[in-house]
């Protein structure tokens, strides 16, 4: 995979840092080195890293940071509306920089998560959920299946089994 498909540019990272500074100032929170480092590790990534993956990245830059601190900073970023936590059945939480409504494709074989947008989904009218005592704050679609790489590997494996039969 090339870096263009797995990372965002410096301008988006700087923009995210500006939003973090503003959110901290509005809520009277300090703009800590740890918050900055976690956001700088998360912002350029498009691969929806886990907290552990982010811990690995941040600890290279801040060797003394604890895993617990990274988890707490991620929770703060989610509470501030700067990051989103995405989850899927059978998998742990993954994180992404919050950037408008989009949806996720999740590969059931390799676990990769990719974003997609669909104008058709923007017009979907959700059912009235207030009758269930539920207030919708946001929604997105989560689609499971096989990514292109895993489909290719699957075809190769089937061909190999057939030729060995």
N, C-alpha and C. Protein backbone atom coordinates (compact mmCIF):
# COMPACT_ATOMS: atom_id res chain seq x y z
N UNK A 1 0.84 -1.18 0.00
CA UNK A 1 0.00 0.00 0.00
C UNK A 1 0.88 1.24 0.00
N UNK A 2 0.55 2.20 -0.79
CA UNK A 2 1.38 3.40 -0.80
C UNK A 2 0.92 4.36 0.29
N UNK A 3 1.79 5.31 0.62
CA UNK A 3 1.49 6.22 1.73
C UNK A 3 0.29 7.11 1.43
N UNK A 4 0.03 7.36 0.17
CA UNK A 4 -1.12 8.21 -0.18
C UNK A 4 -2.43 7.56 0.27
N UNK A 5 -2.52 6.23 0.24
CA UNK A 5 -3.76 5.58 0.61
C UNK A 5 -3.86 5.28 2.10
N UNK A 6 -2.77 5.45 2.84
CA UNK A 6 -2.81 5.13 4.27
C UNK A 6 -2.61 6.34 5.16
N UNK A 7 -2.29 7.51 4.60
CA UNK A 7 -2.04 8.68 5.43
C UNK A 7 -2.60 9.95 4.81
N UNK A 8 -2.89 10.90 5.71
CA UNK A 8 -3.31 12.24 5.30
C UNK A 8 -2.10 13.14 5.28
N UNK A 9 -2.27 14.31 4.69
CA UNK A 9 -1.19 15.28 4.59
C UNK A 9 -0.99 16.11 5.85
N UNK A 10 0.12 16.83 5.87
CA UNK A 10 0.49 17.68 7.00
C UNK A 10 -0.56 18.74 7.29
N UNK A 11 -1.19 19.25 6.26
CA UNK A 11 -2.19 20.31 6.45
C UNK A 11 -3.35 19.81 7.31
N UNK A 12 -3.79 18.57 7.08
CA UNK A 12 -4.88 18.03 7.89
C UNK A 12 -4.45 17.79 9.33
N UNK A 13 -3.18 17.39 9.52
CA UNK A 13 -2.67 17.20 10.88
C UNK A 13 -2.65 18.54 11.61
N UNK A 14 -2.16 19.58 10.95
CA UNK A 14 -2.13 20.92 11.57
C UNK A 14 -3.53 21.41 11.87
N UNK A 15 -4.47 21.14 10.99
CA UNK A 15 -5.86 21.53 11.21
C UNK A 15 -6.42 20.81 12.44
N UNK A 16 -6.13 19.53 12.56
CA UNK A 16 -6.61 18.75 13.71
C UNK A 16 -6.00 19.29 15.01
N UNK A 17 -4.72 19.64 14.97
CA UNK A 17 -4.08 20.21 16.16
C UNK A 17 -4.73 21.53 16.55
N UNK A 18 -5.08 22.34 15.56
CA UNK A 18 -5.76 23.60 15.84
C UNK A 18 -7.11 23.37 16.50
N UNK A 19 -7.85 22.35 16.01
CA UNK A 19 -9.15 22.02 16.63
C UNK A 19 -8.96 21.52 18.05
N UNK A 20 -7.89 20.75 18.29
CA UNK A 20 -7.62 20.28 19.65
C UNK A 20 -7.30 21.44 20.58
N UNK A 21 -6.45 22.36 20.13
CA UNK A 21 -6.12 23.52 20.96
C UNK A 21 -7.37 24.32 21.30
N UNK A 22 -8.22 24.53 20.32
CA UNK A 22 -9.46 25.29 20.54
C UNK A 22 -10.38 24.56 21.51
N UNK A 23 -10.55 23.25 21.33
CA UNK A 23 -11.43 22.48 22.21
C UNK A 23 -10.91 22.47 23.65
N UNK A 24 -9.60 22.33 23.80
CA UNK A 24 -9.01 22.36 25.15
C UNK A 24 -9.22 23.72 25.80
N UNK A 25 -9.00 24.77 25.04
CA UNK A 25 -9.17 26.13 25.56
C UNK A 25 -10.62 26.35 25.99
N UNK A 26 -11.58 25.94 25.16
CA UNK A 26 -13.00 26.12 25.46
C UNK A 26 -13.42 25.39 26.73
N UNK A 27 -12.80 24.24 27.00
CA UNK A 27 -13.20 23.43 28.15
C UNK A 27 -12.26 23.56 29.34
N UNK A 28 -11.29 24.47 29.21
CA UNK A 28 -10.37 24.69 30.31
C UNK A 28 -9.41 23.53 30.56
N UNK A 29 -9.13 22.76 29.51
CA UNK A 29 -8.20 21.64 29.63
C UNK A 29 -6.82 22.06 29.17
N UNK A 30 -5.78 21.54 29.80
CA UNK A 30 -4.44 21.88 29.31
C UNK A 30 -4.14 21.16 28.00
N UNK A 31 -3.39 21.80 27.14
CA UNK A 31 -2.94 21.20 25.88
C UNK A 31 -1.63 20.49 26.20
N UNK A 32 -1.74 19.22 26.61
CA UNK A 32 -0.57 18.49 27.07
C UNK A 32 0.23 17.91 25.91
N UNK A 33 1.47 17.61 26.20
CA UNK A 33 2.35 16.96 25.22
C UNK A 33 1.75 15.62 24.80
N UNK A 34 1.15 14.91 25.75
CA UNK A 34 0.57 13.61 25.47
C UNK A 34 -0.63 13.73 24.52
N UNK A 35 -1.50 14.71 24.76
CA UNK A 35 -2.65 14.91 23.87
C UNK A 35 -2.18 15.24 22.46
N UNK A 36 -1.21 16.12 22.40
CA UNK A 36 -0.67 16.51 21.10
C UNK A 36 -0.05 15.31 20.37
N UNK A 37 0.73 14.51 21.08
CA UNK A 37 1.41 13.37 20.47
C UNK A 37 0.42 12.32 19.97
N UNK A 38 -0.61 12.04 20.77
CA UNK A 38 -1.61 11.04 20.34
C UNK A 38 -2.36 11.55 19.12
N UNK A 39 -2.76 12.81 19.13
CA UNK A 39 -3.48 13.35 17.97
C UNK A 39 -2.57 13.38 16.74
N UNK A 40 -1.31 13.73 16.91
CA UNK A 40 -0.38 13.73 15.78
C UNK A 40 -0.17 12.32 15.22
N UNK A 41 -0.27 11.31 16.08
CA UNK A 41 -0.14 9.93 15.63
C UNK A 41 -1.42 9.46 14.92
N UNK A 42 -2.59 9.91 15.40
CA UNK A 42 -3.86 9.49 14.84
C UNK A 42 -4.23 10.24 13.56
N UNK A 43 -4.02 11.55 13.56
CA UNK A 43 -4.54 12.41 12.48
C UNK A 43 -4.13 11.99 11.07
N UNK A 44 -2.89 11.62 10.82
CA UNK A 44 -2.54 11.29 9.43
C UNK A 44 -3.00 9.91 8.98
N UNK A 45 -3.46 9.09 9.89
CA UNK A 45 -3.73 7.69 9.56
C UNK A 45 -5.12 7.48 9.00
N UNK A 46 -5.19 6.64 7.99
CA UNK A 46 -6.47 6.27 7.40
C UNK A 46 -6.81 4.81 7.66
N UNK A 47 -5.95 4.12 8.41
CA UNK A 47 -6.13 2.68 8.62
C UNK A 47 -6.90 2.32 9.89
N UNK A 48 -7.48 3.31 10.56
CA UNK A 48 -8.30 3.07 11.74
C UNK A 48 -7.54 2.25 12.78
N UNK A 49 -6.47 2.83 13.34
CA UNK A 49 -5.63 2.07 14.27
C UNK A 49 -6.32 1.78 15.60
N UNK A 50 -5.87 0.73 16.24
CA UNK A 50 -6.32 0.42 17.60
C UNK A 50 -5.54 1.29 18.57
N UNK A 51 -5.98 1.32 19.81
CA UNK A 51 -5.25 2.07 20.83
C UNK A 51 -3.84 1.51 20.99
N UNK A 52 -3.69 0.21 20.88
CA UNK A 52 -2.36 -0.40 21.00
C UNK A 52 -1.44 0.03 19.86
N UNK A 53 -1.96 0.11 18.64
CA UNK A 53 -1.14 0.58 17.51
C UNK A 53 -0.72 2.03 17.73
N UNK A 54 -1.63 2.83 18.25
CA UNK A 54 -1.29 4.22 18.53
C UNK A 54 -0.28 4.31 19.66
N UNK A 55 -0.42 3.46 20.66
CA UNK A 55 0.56 3.44 21.76
C UNK A 55 1.96 3.16 21.21
N UNK A 56 2.06 2.18 20.32
CA UNK A 56 3.36 1.86 19.73
C UNK A 56 3.95 3.07 19.01
N UNK A 57 3.12 3.76 18.24
CA UNK A 57 3.60 4.92 17.48
C UNK A 57 4.00 6.07 18.42
N UNK A 58 3.17 6.34 19.42
CA UNK A 58 3.44 7.46 20.32
C UNK A 58 4.64 7.17 21.21
N UNK A 59 4.80 5.92 21.65
CA UNK A 59 5.90 5.60 22.56
C UNK A 59 7.26 5.70 21.89
N UNK A 60 7.31 5.64 20.57
CA UNK A 60 8.58 5.89 19.87
C UNK A 60 8.99 7.35 20.01
N UNK A 61 7.99 8.23 20.06
CA UNK A 61 8.24 9.66 20.18
C UNK A 61 8.36 10.09 21.64
N UNK A 62 7.53 9.51 22.50
CA UNK A 62 7.53 9.81 23.93
C UNK A 62 7.74 8.49 24.69
N UNK A 63 8.97 8.07 24.84
CA UNK A 63 9.24 6.75 25.43
C UNK A 63 8.63 6.53 26.82
N UNK A 64 8.40 7.57 27.59
CA UNK A 64 7.87 7.40 28.94
C UNK A 64 6.36 7.31 29.02
N UNK A 65 5.65 7.46 27.91
CA UNK A 65 4.19 7.47 27.96
C UNK A 65 3.66 6.07 28.26
N UNK A 66 2.61 6.00 29.06
CA UNK A 66 2.03 4.70 29.40
C UNK A 66 0.87 4.38 28.45
N UNK A 67 0.59 3.10 28.37
CA UNK A 67 -0.54 2.64 27.56
C UNK A 67 -1.84 3.25 28.09
N UNK A 68 -1.97 3.32 29.42
CA UNK A 68 -3.16 3.90 30.05
C UNK A 68 -3.35 5.35 29.63
N UNK A 69 -2.26 6.11 29.56
CA UNK A 69 -2.36 7.51 29.14
C UNK A 69 -2.87 7.61 27.71
N UNK A 70 -2.38 6.77 26.83
CA UNK A 70 -2.85 6.78 25.43
C UNK A 70 -4.34 6.48 25.39
N UNK A 71 -4.79 5.47 26.15
CA UNK A 71 -6.21 5.14 26.19
C UNK A 71 -7.03 6.32 26.70
N UNK A 72 -6.56 6.97 27.76
CA UNK A 72 -7.29 8.12 28.33
C UNK A 72 -7.34 9.28 27.35
N UNK A 73 -6.23 9.54 26.67
CA UNK A 73 -6.21 10.64 25.69
C UNK A 73 -7.18 10.33 24.56
N UNK A 74 -7.22 9.09 24.09
CA UNK A 74 -8.16 8.73 23.03
C UNK A 74 -9.60 8.95 23.49
N UNK A 75 -9.91 8.58 24.73
CA UNK A 75 -11.25 8.82 25.25
C UNK A 75 -11.56 10.32 25.30
N UNK A 76 -10.57 11.12 25.68
CA UNK A 76 -10.76 12.57 25.71
C UNK A 76 -11.00 13.10 24.30
N UNK A 77 -10.25 12.62 23.33
CA UNK A 77 -10.44 13.06 21.94
C UNK A 77 -11.84 12.71 21.44
N UNK A 78 -12.34 11.54 21.83
CA UNK A 78 -13.70 11.15 21.44
C UNK A 78 -14.71 12.06 22.12
N UNK A 79 -14.53 12.31 23.43
CA UNK A 79 -15.44 13.19 24.17
C UNK A 79 -15.44 14.61 23.60
N UNK A 80 -14.29 15.08 23.14
CA UNK A 80 -14.20 16.42 22.56
C UNK A 80 -14.75 16.48 21.13
N UNK A 81 -15.10 15.33 20.57
CA UNK A 81 -15.65 15.28 19.21
C UNK A 81 -14.60 15.36 18.13
N UNK A 82 -13.34 15.15 18.49
CA UNK A 82 -12.25 15.23 17.51
C UNK A 82 -11.92 13.88 16.89
N UNK A 83 -12.28 12.81 17.58
CA UNK A 83 -12.01 11.46 17.09
C UNK A 83 -13.28 10.63 17.25
N UNK A 84 -13.33 9.55 16.52
CA UNK A 84 -14.44 8.60 16.65
C UNK A 84 -13.88 7.24 17.00
N UNK A 85 -14.63 6.53 17.80
CA UNK A 85 -14.31 5.14 18.12
C UNK A 85 -15.22 4.29 17.25
N UNK A 86 -14.64 3.40 16.50
CA UNK A 86 -15.47 2.49 15.69
C UNK A 86 -15.25 1.08 16.21
N UNK A 87 -16.32 0.34 16.26
CA UNK A 87 -16.26 -1.04 16.74
C UNK A 87 -17.04 -1.91 15.78
N UNK A 88 -16.68 -3.17 15.77
CA UNK A 88 -17.42 -4.13 14.97
C UNK A 88 -17.43 -5.45 15.73
N UNK A 89 -18.43 -6.27 15.50
CA UNK A 89 -18.52 -7.54 16.23
C UNK A 89 -17.24 -8.36 16.05
N UNK A 90 -16.73 -8.87 17.16
CA UNK A 90 -15.54 -9.71 17.11
C UNK A 90 -14.23 -8.95 17.04
N UNK A 91 -14.27 -7.63 17.08
CA UNK A 91 -13.04 -6.85 17.00
C UNK A 91 -13.00 -5.80 18.09
N UNK A 92 -11.82 -5.36 18.39
CA UNK A 92 -11.65 -4.31 19.39
C UNK A 92 -11.92 -2.94 18.80
N UNK A 93 -11.91 -1.96 19.66
CA UNK A 93 -12.16 -0.58 19.22
C UNK A 93 -11.02 -0.10 18.34
N UNK A 94 -11.38 0.64 17.32
CA UNK A 94 -10.43 1.29 16.44
C UNK A 94 -10.78 2.77 16.46
N UNK A 95 -9.84 3.61 16.07
CA UNK A 95 -10.05 5.06 16.16
C UNK A 95 -9.74 5.73 14.84
N UNK A 96 -10.38 6.88 14.65
CA UNK A 96 -10.13 7.68 13.46
C UNK A 96 -10.39 9.14 13.80
N UNK A 97 -9.77 10.00 13.04
CA UNK A 97 -10.03 11.42 13.16
C UNK A 97 -11.46 11.66 12.68
N UNK A 98 -12.22 12.41 13.43
CA UNK A 98 -13.61 12.67 13.04
C UNK A 98 -13.63 13.67 11.89
N UNK A 99 -14.34 13.32 10.81
CA UNK A 99 -14.38 14.19 9.65
C UNK A 99 -15.63 13.99 8.80
N UNK A 100 -16.75 14.13 9.44
CA UNK A 100 -18.01 14.08 8.71
C UNK A 100 -18.52 12.66 8.53
N UNK A 101 -19.78 12.59 8.12
CA UNK A 101 -20.41 11.28 7.96
C UNK A 101 -19.75 10.50 6.84
N UNK A 102 -19.40 9.29 7.18
CA UNK A 102 -18.90 8.34 6.21
C UNK A 102 -19.18 6.96 6.78
N UNK A 103 -18.91 5.95 6.02
CA UNK A 103 -19.28 4.59 6.39
C UNK A 103 -18.03 3.71 6.31
N UNK A 104 -18.14 2.48 6.80
CA UNK A 104 -16.97 1.63 6.88
C UNK A 104 -17.18 0.27 6.22
N UNK A 105 -16.13 -0.18 5.54
CA UNK A 105 -16.05 -1.51 4.98
C UNK A 105 -15.06 -2.27 5.86
N UNK A 106 -15.48 -3.42 6.37
CA UNK A 106 -14.62 -4.19 7.28
C UNK A 106 -14.37 -5.57 6.68
N UNK A 107 -13.10 -5.89 6.45
CA UNK A 107 -12.74 -7.19 5.90
C UNK A 107 -12.76 -8.23 7.02
N UNK A 108 -13.54 -9.28 6.82
CA UNK A 108 -13.68 -10.31 7.85
C UNK A 108 -12.47 -11.24 7.89
N UNK A 109 -11.61 -11.17 6.91
CA UNK A 109 -10.43 -12.04 6.92
C UNK A 109 -9.22 -11.33 7.52
N UNK A 110 -8.82 -10.18 6.99
CA UNK A 110 -7.60 -9.51 7.47
C UNK A 110 -7.88 -8.42 8.50
N UNK A 111 -9.14 -8.02 8.64
CA UNK A 111 -9.50 -7.03 9.65
C UNK A 111 -9.36 -5.58 9.22
N UNK A 112 -8.94 -5.32 7.98
CA UNK A 112 -8.78 -3.93 7.56
C UNK A 112 -10.14 -3.22 7.57
N UNK A 113 -10.09 -1.93 7.80
CA UNK A 113 -11.29 -1.10 7.79
C UNK A 113 -11.03 0.04 6.83
N UNK A 114 -11.93 0.24 5.89
CA UNK A 114 -11.78 1.32 4.91
C UNK A 114 -13.03 2.18 4.95
N UNK A 115 -12.83 3.46 4.69
CA UNK A 115 -13.94 4.41 4.63
C UNK A 115 -14.59 4.39 3.26
N UNK A 116 -15.88 4.68 3.23
CA UNK A 116 -16.55 4.98 1.97
C UNK A 116 -17.66 5.98 2.23
N UNK A 117 -17.95 6.74 1.21
CA UNK A 117 -19.04 7.72 1.26
C UNK A 117 -20.05 7.35 0.19
N UNK A 118 -21.31 7.63 0.46
CA UNK A 118 -22.35 7.33 -0.50
C UNK A 118 -23.43 8.40 -0.42
N UNK A 119 -23.57 9.19 -1.48
CA UNK A 119 -24.65 10.18 -1.50
C UNK A 119 -26.03 9.53 -1.31
N UNK A 120 -26.20 8.31 -1.81
CA UNK A 120 -27.49 7.63 -1.66
C UNK A 120 -27.81 7.38 -0.19
N UNK A 121 -26.80 7.08 0.61
CA UNK A 121 -27.05 6.84 2.03
C UNK A 121 -27.38 8.12 2.78
N UNK A 122 -26.97 9.26 2.25
CA UNK A 122 -27.28 10.53 2.91
C UNK A 122 -28.77 10.84 2.87
N UNK A 123 -29.48 10.22 1.95
CA UNK A 123 -30.92 10.48 1.83
C UNK A 123 -31.77 9.46 2.58
N UNK A 124 -31.12 8.47 3.21
CA UNK A 124 -31.86 7.45 3.95
C UNK A 124 -32.55 8.09 5.14
N UNK A 125 -33.82 7.79 5.28
CA UNK A 125 -34.57 8.29 6.42
C UNK A 125 -34.62 7.20 7.47
N UNK A 126 -34.08 7.50 8.64
CA UNK A 126 -34.08 6.52 9.72
C UNK A 126 -35.48 6.38 10.28
N UNK A 127 -35.81 5.18 10.77
CA UNK A 127 -37.13 5.02 11.40
C UNK A 127 -37.21 5.84 12.67
N UNK A 128 -38.43 6.10 13.10
CA UNK A 128 -38.62 6.85 14.35
C UNK A 128 -38.22 5.95 15.52
N UNK A 129 -37.12 6.30 16.15
CA UNK A 129 -36.59 5.48 17.23
C UNK A 129 -36.95 6.02 18.61
N UNK A 130 -37.58 7.18 18.64
CA UNK A 130 -37.99 7.76 19.92
C UNK A 130 -38.98 6.83 20.63
N UNK A 131 -39.75 6.08 19.86
CA UNK A 131 -40.70 5.14 20.46
C UNK A 131 -39.99 4.09 21.31
N UNK A 132 -38.73 3.87 21.04
CA UNK A 132 -37.92 2.92 21.81
C UNK A 132 -37.13 3.63 22.91
N UNK A 133 -37.37 4.92 23.05
CA UNK A 133 -36.65 5.70 24.06
C UNK A 133 -35.23 6.02 23.65
N UNK A 134 -34.99 6.02 22.34
CA UNK A 134 -33.62 6.21 21.84
C UNK A 134 -33.53 7.50 21.04
N UNK A 135 -32.54 8.30 21.36
CA UNK A 135 -32.29 9.53 20.62
C UNK A 135 -31.03 9.35 19.78
N UNK A 136 -31.17 9.45 18.47
CA UNK A 136 -30.04 9.26 17.56
C UNK A 136 -29.19 10.53 17.56
N UNK A 137 -27.89 10.36 17.77
CA UNK A 137 -26.96 11.48 17.69
C UNK A 137 -26.15 11.43 16.40
N UNK A 138 -25.90 10.24 15.92
CA UNK A 138 -25.17 10.06 14.66
C UNK A 138 -25.41 8.63 14.21
N UNK A 139 -25.14 8.36 12.97
CA UNK A 139 -25.29 7.00 12.47
C UNK A 139 -24.35 6.81 11.29
N UNK A 140 -24.01 5.56 11.06
CA UNK A 140 -23.22 5.21 9.88
C UNK A 140 -23.47 3.74 9.58
N UNK A 141 -23.10 3.34 8.39
CA UNK A 141 -23.26 1.96 7.97
C UNK A 141 -21.92 1.24 8.10
N UNK A 142 -22.00 0.00 8.54
CA UNK A 142 -20.82 -0.83 8.68
C UNK A 142 -21.06 -2.07 7.82
N UNK A 143 -20.24 -2.26 6.79
CA UNK A 143 -20.42 -3.36 5.84
C UNK A 143 -19.27 -4.34 6.02
N UNK A 144 -19.60 -5.62 6.16
CA UNK A 144 -18.56 -6.64 6.29
C UNK A 144 -18.48 -7.45 5.01
N UNK A 145 -17.28 -7.94 4.74
CA UNK A 145 -17.05 -8.76 3.55
C UNK A 145 -15.56 -9.00 3.38
N UNK A 146 -15.13 -9.24 2.16
CA UNK A 146 -13.72 -9.47 1.86
C UNK A 146 -13.17 -8.31 1.05
N UNK A 147 -12.01 -7.80 1.50
CA UNK A 147 -11.36 -6.73 0.74
C UNK A 147 -10.77 -7.31 -0.55
N UNK A 148 -10.33 -6.44 -1.45
CA UNK A 148 -9.80 -6.87 -2.73
C UNK A 148 -8.59 -7.79 -2.56
N UNK A 149 -7.68 -7.45 -1.65
CA UNK A 149 -6.48 -8.28 -1.44
C UNK A 149 -6.86 -9.68 -0.96
N UNK A 150 -7.79 -9.77 -0.03
CA UNK A 150 -8.18 -11.08 0.49
C UNK A 150 -8.95 -11.89 -0.54
N UNK A 151 -9.73 -11.21 -1.40
CA UNK A 151 -10.43 -11.92 -2.47
C UNK A 151 -9.42 -12.53 -3.44
N UNK A 152 -8.37 -11.77 -3.78
CA UNK A 152 -7.33 -12.28 -4.68
C UNK A 152 -6.63 -13.47 -4.03
N UNK A 153 -6.26 -13.33 -2.75
CA UNK A 153 -5.61 -14.45 -2.05
C UNK A 153 -6.52 -15.67 -1.99
N UNK A 154 -7.80 -15.45 -1.80
CA UNK A 154 -8.76 -16.54 -1.73
C UNK A 154 -8.84 -17.28 -3.07
N UNK A 155 -8.85 -16.52 -4.17
CA UNK A 155 -8.87 -17.14 -5.51
C UNK A 155 -7.62 -17.96 -5.75
N UNK A 156 -6.47 -17.41 -5.35
CA UNK A 156 -5.20 -18.13 -5.54
C UNK A 156 -5.20 -19.43 -4.73
N UNK A 157 -5.71 -19.38 -3.51
CA UNK A 157 -5.75 -20.57 -2.66
C UNK A 157 -6.65 -21.63 -3.27
N UNK A 158 -7.83 -21.21 -3.78
CA UNK A 158 -8.74 -22.16 -4.42
C UNK A 158 -8.11 -22.78 -5.65
N UNK A 159 -7.46 -21.96 -6.48
CA UNK A 159 -6.79 -22.49 -7.69
C UNK A 159 -5.71 -23.47 -7.31
N UNK A 160 -4.95 -23.16 -6.27
CA UNK A 160 -3.87 -24.03 -5.81
C UNK A 160 -4.43 -25.36 -5.32
N UNK A 161 -5.54 -25.33 -4.60
CA UNK A 161 -6.15 -26.57 -4.11
C UNK A 161 -6.67 -27.40 -5.25
N UNK A 162 -7.28 -26.75 -6.27
CA UNK A 162 -7.83 -27.47 -7.42
C UNK A 162 -6.70 -28.13 -8.21
N UNK A 163 -5.60 -27.39 -8.43
CA UNK A 163 -4.50 -27.94 -9.22
C UNK A 163 -3.76 -29.04 -8.46
N UNK A 164 -3.83 -29.05 -7.14
CA UNK A 164 -3.17 -30.09 -6.34
C UNK A 164 -4.06 -31.31 -6.15
N UNK A 165 -5.33 -31.23 -6.59
CA UNK A 165 -6.27 -32.34 -6.41
C UNK A 165 -6.06 -33.39 -7.45
